[in-house]
Amino acid sequence: MRKRVVRVAVVAAMVALVLLATPLAVGIPRSFIADERGELERAALAAAVRVGAKSTGKKRSELPPGERDARIGLYDLAGRLRDGHGPATADAVTRRAMAGVVARGRDGQDLVAAVPVSTAERVTGVVRAADGTQGVWARVGLAWAALVGTALAALATGVLVARHQARTLSAPLEALSATAVAVAGGDLTARAGRSAIAEIDQLARTQNTMVERLTTLLEHERQFSANASHQLRTPLAGLQLGLEAAAADPGTGHLRPAVEEALERSRHLQQTVDEVLRLARAAPGPRLPERAGPLGELAESVERRWHGAFAAEGRRLDFAFEPGSETIRVPDRTAEQILDVLLDNALRHGSGTVGVTVREMTGAVAVDVADEGSLALEPGLVFARGATTSRSGSGIGLPLARDMARAAGGRLTLVRASPTTFTLLLPMPEGE
């Protein structure tokens, strides 16, 4: 920003200087030439007065002795040089003065002023004063140099003032930006300070108000998550105790498999609650998972839970592993929750066989979940909260799965819309 402010100020100063200096530069030679002509005219007029006074009653007029060293000449009415300095015959400017008028003009490189000499109210001759233009142009050059120096000094002053103003304007904005970066990094205690600029102060107050409201909302959500977790955990713990007691009772008989399945599902629900709560409480950005496990065991657990649901719909669920990928360790709770979301999405909104393929990549492991259906929603809206991929659903499963993947340092993407294929990328622990 500082460079842009300085650049704009310098350009404005240069435009102002050009607009001001150009007429001055054009007017300087005209003014100097007009002054020189005025001096020549006054010299010629003074000489003509003295010549006229001395030549009263004389047949021949002459310049006073003091004028013979200057470039002043006396001409008779025949155009001949009678005394002083000048061309032998009168030039055009001198001949015009013979009509009784003061004449100005040029004769080659000389400026000329001619004044008629009158005796007894009759023109008896002409005094011609001349001077070269070299001296005039030398003075013009000095004036131009002074004008350029003044313009450069003004431009340098403008640059210094612009830099000072740029620092004055940009410093509070840079501080405001640093505060915004700190807030984005998770420091919700950062607040923007005051400056000497009312508009920036208003922006700082608006940002502080926004951060305070966000802090209040975030604290409210965290408290709500903690309260909801507590309210869920208490009945879940009671349910698990009851199911464990039922599973241990010899009288359950043929109900034992159903009780054990319900117990496993309640335990999985407890893990889901814990993982969602951990995600809600954690700071934004990727972080290390709490625990990791081999992919093979994770796949067995997921397949055991979802096999019956797909079989009830007359559909198949297949898992395929590249050689050696079963032993790769991944954040199992996070990966398990994401796979549950993807398989639930495939069961509800997809069709045909659902295939889960695990493959190893450089520094990461990829899990592809594909079915034989086609995506009914715009690909750009798949991970938008509130969007849904079919006739029913709340539209929060896929966004939540994407957030979990990011929290684990991975990425969840839609690879193809038809057949619908999602790919989960998870980083492999060092040393794998």
Protein backbone atom coordinates (compact mmCIF):
# COMPACT_ATOMS: atom_id res chain seq x y z
CA MET A 1 0.00 0.00 0.00
CA ARG A 2 2.82 2.40 0.84
CA LYS A 3 4.29 2.13 -2.64
CA ARG A 4 0.91 2.74 -4.25
CA VAL A 5 0.28 5.84 -2.11
CA VAL A 6 3.75 7.24 -2.90
CA ARG A 7 3.30 6.45 -6.60
CA VAL A 8 -0.04 8.24 -6.78
CA ALA A 9 1.30 11.27 -4.90
CA VAL A 10 4.40 11.49 -7.11
CA VAL A 11 2.36 11.24 -10.30
CA ALA A 12 0.01 13.97 -9.05
CA ALA A 13 2.96 16.21 -8.13
CA MET A 14 4.60 15.65 -11.52
CA VAL A 15 1.39 16.51 -13.37
CA ALA A 16 1.00 19.69 -11.30
CA LEU A 17 4.62 20.68 -11.90
CA VAL A 18 4.35 20.09 -15.64
CA LEU A 19 1.15 22.12 -15.85
CA LEU A 20 2.78 24.94 -13.88
CA ALA A 21 6.29 24.86 -15.34
CA THR A 22 5.35 24.56 -19.02
CA PRO A 23 3.76 28.05 -19.30
CA LEU A 24 6.62 29.49 -17.27
CA ALA A 25 9.21 27.87 -19.51
CA VAL A 26 7.44 29.23 -22.59
CA GLY A 27 6.99 32.69 -21.08
CA ILE A 28 10.57 33.15 -19.84
CA PRO A 29 12.21 33.79 -23.26
CA ARG A 30 9.36 36.04 -24.34
CA SER A 31 9.67 38.08 -21.15
CA PHE A 32 13.44 38.37 -21.41
CA ILE A 33 13.29 39.40 -25.09
CA ALA A 34 10.59 41.97 -24.31
CA ASP A 35 12.75 43.38 -21.49
CA GLU A 36 15.78 43.57 -23.78
CA ARG A 37 13.77 45.39 -26.44
CA GLY A 38 12.52 47.80 -23.81
CA GLU A 39 16.09 48.50 -22.70
CA LEU A 40 17.15 49.09 -26.31
CA GLU A 41 14.21 51.40 -26.88
CA ARG A 42 15.00 53.44 -23.78
CA ALA A 43 18.67 53.67 -24.79
CA ALA A 44 17.75 54.76 -28.31
CA LEU A 45 15.20 57.27 -27.02
CA ALA A 46 17.71 58.80 -24.58
CA ALA A 47 20.29 59.06 -27.37
CA ALA A 48 17.73 60.62 -29.74
CA VAL A 49 16.81 63.27 -27.17
CA ARG A 50 20.43 64.20 -26.63
CA VAL A 51 21.18 64.21 -30.39
CA GLY A 52 18.15 66.42 -31.07
CA ALA A 53 19.15 68.88 -28.39
CA LYS A 54 22.72 69.16 -29.65
CA SER A 55 21.92 69.41 -33.33
CA THR A 56 19.68 72.48 -33.07
CA GLY A 57 20.90 74.88 -35.69
CA LYS A 58 23.55 72.51 -36.99
CA LYS A 59 23.61 71.01 -40.44
CA ARG A 60 25.07 67.69 -39.29
CA SER A 61 23.89 65.69 -36.32
CA GLU A 62 26.26 63.52 -34.31
CA LEU A 63 25.95 61.12 -31.36
CA PRO A 64 27.22 62.38 -28.04
CA PRO A 65 30.69 61.06 -27.25
CA GLY A 66 29.40 58.83 -24.49
CA GLU A 67 27.16 56.86 -26.88
CA ARG A 68 29.85 55.97 -29.45
CA ASP A 69 31.07 52.95 -27.48
CA ALA A 70 27.61 51.31 -27.42
CA ARG A 71 25.86 49.57 -30.32
CA ILE A 72 23.99 52.74 -31.14
CA GLY A 73 24.06 54.32 -34.56
CA LEU A 74 22.78 57.60 -36.03
CA TYR A 75 21.28 57.52 -39.51
CA ASP A 76 20.22 60.38 -41.76
CA LEU A 77 17.06 60.34 -43.79
CA ALA A 78 18.96 58.89 -46.74
CA GLY A 79 19.65 55.78 -44.69
CA ARG A 80 23.37 56.33 -44.32
CA LEU A 81 25.20 55.69 -41.04
CA ARG A 82 26.37 59.11 -39.86
CA ASP A 83 27.82 58.15 -36.47
CA GLY A 84 28.12 55.24 -34.01
CA HIS A 85 27.86 51.53 -34.67
CA GLY A 86 25.56 49.70 -37.07
CA PRO A 87 25.24 48.62 -40.69
CA ALA A 88 26.39 51.12 -43.31
CA THR A 89 22.88 51.45 -44.70
CA ALA A 90 19.66 51.50 -42.71
CA ASP A 91 17.82 48.23 -42.21
CA ALA A 92 14.07 47.73 -42.42
CA VAL A 93 13.49 48.61 -38.77
CA THR A 94 15.45 51.87 -39.11
CA ARG A 95 13.59 52.87 -42.29
CA ARG A 96 10.24 52.40 -40.51
CA ALA A 97 11.37 54.84 -37.83
CA MET A 98 12.01 57.50 -40.50
CA ALA A 99 8.26 57.91 -40.71
CA GLY A 100 8.30 59.42 -37.24
CA VAL A 101 7.39 56.32 -35.21
CA VAL A 102 9.33 54.14 -32.78
CA ALA A 103 10.10 50.82 -34.48
CA ARG A 104 11.14 47.43 -33.08
CA GLY A 105 12.30 44.29 -34.82
CA ARG A 106 15.19 41.98 -35.68
CA ASP A 107 18.14 42.28 -37.96
CA GLY A 108 19.66 38.85 -38.29
CA GLN A 109 20.69 37.74 -34.77
CA ASP A 110 20.26 41.25 -33.33
CA LEU A 111 17.34 42.86 -31.56
CA VAL A 112 16.80 46.36 -32.91
CA ALA A 113 14.96 49.44 -31.64
CA ALA A 114 14.84 52.63 -33.75
CA VAL A 115 13.70 56.08 -32.54
CA PRO A 116 13.31 59.13 -34.83
CA VAL A 117 15.37 62.29 -34.09
CA SER A 118 13.25 65.45 -34.31
CA THR A 119 14.52 69.01 -34.70
CA ALA A 120 12.02 71.86 -34.78
CA GLU A 121 9.22 69.32 -35.07
CA ARG A 122 10.85 67.77 -38.14
CA VAL A 123 12.44 64.31 -38.41
CA THR A 124 16.10 64.81 -39.17
CA GLY A 125 17.43 61.33 -38.54
CA VAL A 126 17.04 58.03 -36.69
CA VAL A 127 18.88 56.58 -33.70
CA ARG A 128 19.27 52.80 -33.97
CA ALA A 129 20.07 50.67 -30.85
CA ALA A 130 20.90 46.97 -31.30
CA ASP A 131 22.08 44.07 -29.18
CA GLY A 132 22.70 40.38 -29.88
CA THR A 133 20.41 37.65 -28.61
CA GLN A 134 23.25 35.51 -27.19
CA GLY A 135 23.16 37.31 -23.86
CA VAL A 136 19.40 37.07 -23.71
CA TRP A 137 19.43 33.34 -24.34
CA ALA A 138 22.18 32.88 -21.75
CA ARG A 139 19.93 34.50 -19.17
CA VAL A 140 17.01 32.38 -20.44
CA GLY A 141 19.13 29.23 -19.94
CA LEU A 142 19.94 30.24 -16.38
CA ALA A 143 16.27 30.91 -15.71
CA TRP A 144 15.29 27.54 -17.16
CA ALA A 145 17.93 25.82 -15.01
CA ALA A 146 16.58 27.57 -11.92
CA LEU A 147 13.04 26.51 -12.91
CA VAL A 148 14.12 22.88 -13.33
CA GLY A 149 15.97 22.95 -10.00
CA THR A 150 12.92 24.40 -8.27
CA ALA A 151 10.70 21.73 -9.85
CA LEU A 152 13.05 18.93 -8.77
CA ALA A 153 13.20 20.34 -5.24
CA ALA A 154 9.41 20.53 -5.16
CA LEU A 155 9.17 16.97 -6.47
CA ALA A 156 11.63 15.70 -3.84
CA THR A 157 9.65 17.48 -1.14
CA GLY A 158 6.46 15.92 -2.52
CA VAL A 159 8.06 12.46 -2.39
CA LEU A 160 9.12 12.95 1.24
CA VAL A 161 5.66 14.18 2.21
CA ALA A 162 4.03 11.30 0.29
CA ARG A 163 6.21 8.73 2.05
CA HIS A 164 5.35 10.22 5.42
CA GLN A 165 1.65 10.20 4.60
CA ALA A 166 1.93 6.65 3.25
CA ARG A 167 3.43 5.51 6.55
CA THR A 168 0.72 7.36 8.44
CA LEU A 169 -2.01 5.67 6.39
CA SER A 170 -0.54 2.19 6.07
CA ALA A 171 0.71 1.64 9.64
CA PRO A 172 -2.78 1.32 11.20
CA LEU A 173 -3.95 -0.82 8.28
CA GLU A 174 -0.96 -3.12 8.70
CA ALA A 175 -1.70 -3.37 12.42
CA LEU A 176 -5.32 -4.14 11.61
CA SER A 177 -4.23 -6.84 9.18
CA ALA A 178 -1.89 -8.37 11.78
CA THR A 179 -4.78 -8.46 14.26
CA ALA A 180 -6.99 -10.18 11.68
CA VAL A 181 -4.24 -12.76 11.02
CA ALA A 182 -3.92 -13.41 14.76
CA VAL A 183 -7.69 -13.91 15.06
CA ALA A 184 -7.66 -16.23 12.04
CA GLY A 185 -4.87 -18.19 13.73
CA GLY A 186 -7.08 -18.81 16.76
CA ASP A 187 -6.15 -15.93 19.08
CA LEU A 188 -9.61 -14.63 19.90
CA THR A 189 -8.18 -12.21 22.45
CA ALA A 190 -6.50 -10.08 19.76
CA ARG A 191 -8.10 -6.66 19.29
CA ALA A 192 -7.33 -3.84 16.88
CA GLY A 193 -5.94 -0.64 18.41
CA ARG A 194 -6.86 2.97 17.71
CA SER A 195 -5.18 5.25 15.18
CA ALA A 196 -5.36 8.89 14.17
CA ILE A 197 -7.59 8.18 11.16
CA ALA A 198 -11.33 8.15 11.82
CA GLU A 199 -12.21 5.80 8.94
CA ILE A 200 -9.64 3.20 9.99
CA ASP A 201 -10.78 3.52 13.61
CA GLN A 202 -14.32 2.76 12.47
CA LEU A 203 -13.08 -0.31 10.62
CA ALA A 204 -11.12 -1.41 13.72
CA ARG A 205 -14.20 -1.02 15.93
CA THR A 206 -16.25 -3.05 13.45
CA GLN A 207 -13.64 -5.81 13.42
CA ASN A 208 -13.42 -5.87 17.22
CA THR A 209 -17.20 -6.11 17.46
CA MET A 210 -17.22 -8.97 14.96
CA VAL A 211 -14.49 -10.85 16.86
CA GLU A 212 -16.33 -10.38 20.15
CA ARG A 213 -19.54 -11.75 18.66
CA LEU A 214 -17.69 -14.67 17.09
CA THR A 215 -16.02 -15.39 20.43
CA THR A 216 -19.40 -15.35 22.16
CA LEU A 217 -20.94 -17.65 19.54
CA LEU A 218 -17.98 -20.03 19.65
CA GLU A 219 -18.08 -20.20 23.44
CA HIS A 220 -21.83 -20.81 23.29
CA GLU A 221 -21.35 -23.62 20.75
CA ARG A 222 -18.61 -25.20 22.85
CA GLN A 223 -20.76 -25.08 25.94
CA PHE A 224 -23.66 -26.51 23.99
CA SER A 225 -21.43 -29.32 22.67
CA ALA A 226 -20.23 -30.11 26.17
CA ASN A 227 -23.77 -30.11 27.56
CA ALA A 228 -25.10 -32.19 24.67
CA SER A 229 -22.22 -34.62 25.08
CA HIS A 230 -22.97 -34.98 28.77
CA GLN A 231 -26.66 -35.52 28.08
CA LEU A 232 -25.83 -38.17 25.45
CA ARG A 233 -23.11 -39.92 27.40
CA THR A 234 -25.23 -40.50 30.51
CA PRO A 235 -28.01 -42.49 28.79
CA LEU A 236 -25.48 -44.21 26.51
CA ALA A 237 -23.50 -45.34 29.53
CA GLY A 238 -26.69 -46.68 31.13
CA LEU A 239 -27.67 -48.40 27.88
CA GLN A 240 -24.27 -50.05 27.58
CA LEU A 241 -24.41 -51.28 31.18
CA GLY A 242 -27.85 -52.76 30.56
CA LEU A 243 -26.77 -54.44 27.34
CA GLU A 244 -23.61 -55.79 28.95
CA ALA A 245 -25.68 -57.20 31.77
CA ALA A 246 -28.11 -58.74 29.26
CA ALA A 247 -25.27 -60.23 27.25
CA ALA A 248 -23.81 -61.79 30.42
CA ASP A 249 -27.19 -63.24 31.55
CA PRO A 250 -27.44 -66.95 30.60
CA GLY A 251 -31.19 -66.53 30.26
CA THR A 252 -30.98 -64.41 27.11
CA GLY A 253 -30.41 -67.54 25.04
CA HIS A 254 -31.21 -66.92 21.38
CA LEU A 255 -31.33 -63.12 21.98
CA ARG A 256 -27.62 -63.02 22.78
CA PRO A 257 -26.49 -62.22 19.16
CA ALA A 258 -28.97 -59.31 18.94
CA VAL A 259 -27.92 -58.02 22.35
CA GLU A 260 -24.23 -58.20 21.43
CA GLU A 261 -24.91 -56.39 18.14
CA ALA A 262 -26.83 -53.68 19.99
CA LEU A 263 -23.97 -53.41 22.49
CA GLU A 264 -21.43 -52.99 19.72
CA ARG A 265 -23.60 -50.32 18.07
CA SER A 266 -23.96 -48.42 21.33
CA ARG A 267 -20.20 -48.51 21.80
CA HIS A 268 -19.75 -47.22 18.27
CA LEU A 269 -22.27 -44.47 18.96
CA GLN A 270 -20.28 -43.54 22.07
CA GLN A 271 -17.14 -43.28 19.95
CA THR A 272 -19.01 -41.16 17.40
CA VAL A 273 -20.11 -38.75 20.13
CA ASP A 274 -16.57 -38.53 21.48
CA GLU A 275 -15.08 -37.87 18.03
CA VAL A 276 -17.63 -35.20 17.10
CA LEU A 277 -17.11 -33.51 20.46
CA ARG A 278 -13.33 -33.59 19.99
CA LEU A 279 -13.75 -32.01 16.57
CA ALA A 280 -15.99 -29.28 18.00
CA ARG A 281 -13.59 -28.42 20.82
CA ALA A 282 -10.38 -28.50 18.82
CA ALA A 283 -8.78 -25.46 17.24
CA PRO A 284 -9.11 -25.01 13.46
CA GLY A 285 -6.57 -26.66 11.20
CA PRO A 286 -4.97 -30.12 10.99
CA ARG A 287 -3.71 -31.78 14.13
CA LEU A 288 -2.40 -35.12 15.28
CA PRO A 289 -5.00 -37.83 15.84
CA GLU A 290 -5.46 -39.27 19.30
CA ARG A 291 -4.92 -42.86 18.22
CA ALA A 292 -4.12 -44.91 15.12
CA GLY A 293 -4.79 -48.47 14.02
CA PRO A 294 -4.22 -50.75 11.04
CA LEU A 295 -6.53 -50.37 8.07
CA GLY A 296 -7.33 -54.06 7.95
CA GLU A 297 -8.90 -54.09 11.41
CA LEU A 298 -10.78 -50.87 10.69
CA ALA A 299 -12.20 -52.37 7.48
CA GLU A 300 -13.35 -55.50 9.28
CA SER A 301 -15.20 -53.42 11.87
CA VAL A 302 -16.86 -51.25 9.22
CA GLU A 303 -17.81 -54.23 7.06
CA ARG A 304 -19.26 -56.06 10.05
CA ARG A 305 -21.53 -53.12 10.84
CA TRP A 306 -22.66 -52.34 7.29
CA HIS A 307 -22.85 -55.79 5.70
CA GLY A 308 -26.32 -56.51 7.05
CA ALA A 309 -27.72 -53.11 6.02
CA PHE A 310 -26.58 -53.56 2.40
CA ALA A 311 -27.70 -57.20 2.31
CA ALA A 312 -31.18 -56.15 3.47
CA GLU A 313 -31.37 -53.90 0.40
CA GLY A 314 -30.14 -56.70 -1.90
CA ARG A 315 -26.83 -54.96 -2.52
CA ARG A 316 -23.19 -55.98 -2.11
CA LEU A 317 -20.43 -54.35 -0.12
CA ASP A 318 -16.92 -55.29 -1.28
CA PHE A 319 -13.56 -54.33 0.26
CA ALA A 320 -10.33 -54.56 -1.78
CA PHE A 321 -6.77 -53.93 -0.54
CA GLU A 322 -3.56 -53.44 -2.47
CA PRO A 323 -0.85 -55.81 -1.18
CA GLY A 324 0.55 -54.58 2.11
CA SER A 325 -2.01 -51.82 2.62
CA GLU A 326 -3.89 -53.73 5.36
CA THR A 327 -1.14 -52.99 7.87
CA ILE A 328 -0.97 -49.25 7.23
CA ARG A 329 -1.86 -47.36 10.37
CA VAL A 330 -4.32 -44.48 10.11
CA PRO A 331 -6.34 -42.39 12.60
CA ASP A 332 -8.89 -45.15 13.01
CA ARG A 333 -11.66 -43.27 14.81
CA THR A 334 -11.65 -40.44 12.27
CA ALA A 335 -11.37 -42.81 9.30
CA GLU A 336 -14.13 -45.01 10.70
CA GLN A 337 -16.49 -42.04 11.12
CA ILE A 338 -15.77 -40.81 7.57
CA LEU A 339 -16.32 -44.28 6.09
CA ASP A 340 -19.62 -44.54 7.98
CA VAL A 341 -20.76 -41.28 6.38
CA LEU A 342 -19.68 -42.37 2.89
CA LEU A 343 -21.29 -45.82 3.20
CA ASP A 344 -24.49 -44.31 4.60
CA ASN A 345 -24.51 -41.89 1.65
CA ALA A 346 -24.01 -44.78 -0.80
CA LEU A 347 -26.75 -46.83 0.88
CA ARG A 348 -29.27 -44.00 0.86
CA HIS A 349 -28.51 -42.29 -2.42
CA GLY A 350 -26.50 -44.74 -4.53
CA SER A 351 -27.30 -48.01 -6.27
CA GLY A 352 -25.73 -51.36 -7.11
CA THR A 353 -22.57 -52.75 -5.60
CA VAL A 354 -20.51 -50.51 -3.33
CA GLY A 355 -16.77 -51.02 -3.54
CA VAL A 356 -14.22 -49.81 -1.01
CA THR A 357 -10.67 -49.86 -2.41
CA VAL A 358 -7.58 -49.14 -0.31
CA ARG A 359 -4.40 -48.15 -2.12
CA GLU A 360 -1.08 -46.76 -1.01
CA MET A 361 0.28 -43.48 -2.38
CA THR A 362 3.47 -41.53 -1.73
CA GLY A 363 3.23 -40.43 1.88
CA ALA A 364 -0.51 -41.10 2.07
CA VAL A 365 -3.15 -43.79 1.82
CA ALA A 366 -6.21 -43.43 -0.44
CA VAL A 367 -9.58 -45.02 0.27
CA ASP A 368 -12.02 -44.98 -2.67
CA VAL A 369 -15.74 -45.50 -2.02
CA ALA A 370 -17.70 -46.04 -5.25
CA ASP A 371 -21.19 -47.21 -6.14
CA GLU A 372 -22.97 -47.72 -9.46
CA GLY A 373 -25.26 -44.70 -9.20
CA SER A 374 -25.02 -41.15 -10.54
CA LEU A 375 -24.85 -37.94 -8.57
CA ALA A 376 -28.14 -36.05 -8.69
CA LEU A 377 -26.65 -32.83 -7.27
CA GLU A 378 -24.23 -30.29 -8.73
CA PRO A 379 -20.68 -31.46 -7.84
CA GLY A 380 -19.89 -28.04 -6.38
CA LEU A 381 -22.73 -28.37 -3.85
CA VAL A 382 -21.91 -31.84 -2.56
CA PHE A 383 -20.01 -30.57 0.49
CA ALA A 384 -22.23 -27.52 1.10
CA ARG A 385 -24.03 -27.60 4.41
CA GLY A 386 -27.79 -27.97 3.98
CA ALA A 387 -27.42 -29.55 0.53
CA THR A 388 -28.66 -33.10 -0.01
CA THR A 389 -27.96 -35.64 -2.70
CA SER A 390 -31.38 -37.26 -2.82
CA ARG A 391 -35.04 -37.00 -1.89
CA SER A 392 -34.33 -36.93 1.85
CA GLY A 393 -31.53 -36.16 4.28
CA SER A 394 -30.26 -33.22 6.28
CA GLY A 395 -27.20 -32.59 4.12
CA ILE A 396 -24.71 -32.40 7.03
CA GLY A 397 -23.01 -35.83 6.75
CA LEU A 398 -20.60 -35.09 3.90
CA PRO A 399 -19.59 -31.64 5.20
CA LEU A 400 -18.92 -33.18 8.61
CA ALA A 401 -16.85 -35.95 7.01
CA ARG A 402 -14.84 -33.39 5.07
CA ASP A 403 -14.15 -31.43 8.28
CA MET A 404 -13.02 -34.61 10.02
CA ALA A 405 -10.65 -35.40 7.15
CA ARG A 406 -9.14 -31.91 7.33
CA ALA A 407 -8.79 -32.21 11.09
CA ALA A 408 -6.74 -35.37 10.58
CA GLY A 409 -4.52 -33.65 8.00
CA GLY A 410 -6.22 -35.41 5.07
CA ARG A 411 -8.70 -34.56 2.34
CA LEU A 412 -12.07 -35.86 1.15
CA THR A 413 -13.00 -35.18 -2.48
CA LEU A 414 -15.58 -36.17 -5.05
CA VAL A 415 -13.61 -37.86 -7.84
CA ARG A 416 -16.43 -38.79 -10.25
CA ALA A 417 -20.13 -38.01 -10.44
CA SER A 418 -21.00 -41.11 -12.48
CA PRO A 419 -20.41 -43.68 -11.14
CA THR A 420 -20.29 -41.75 -7.87
CA THR A 421 -16.82 -42.06 -6.36
CA PHE A 422 -15.40 -40.38 -3.27
CA THR A 423 -11.71 -40.55 -2.31
CA LEU A 424 -10.39 -40.15 1.22
CA LEU A 425 -6.70 -39.25 1.49
CA LEU A 426 -5.05 -39.72 4.89
CA PRO A 427 -1.38 -39.07 5.72
CA MET A 428 0.67 -42.07 6.77
CA PRO A 429 2.60 -41.84 10.04
CA GLU A 430 6.34 -41.32 9.73
CA GLY A 431 8.25 -44.56 9.36
CA GLU A 432 5.44 -46.43 7.58
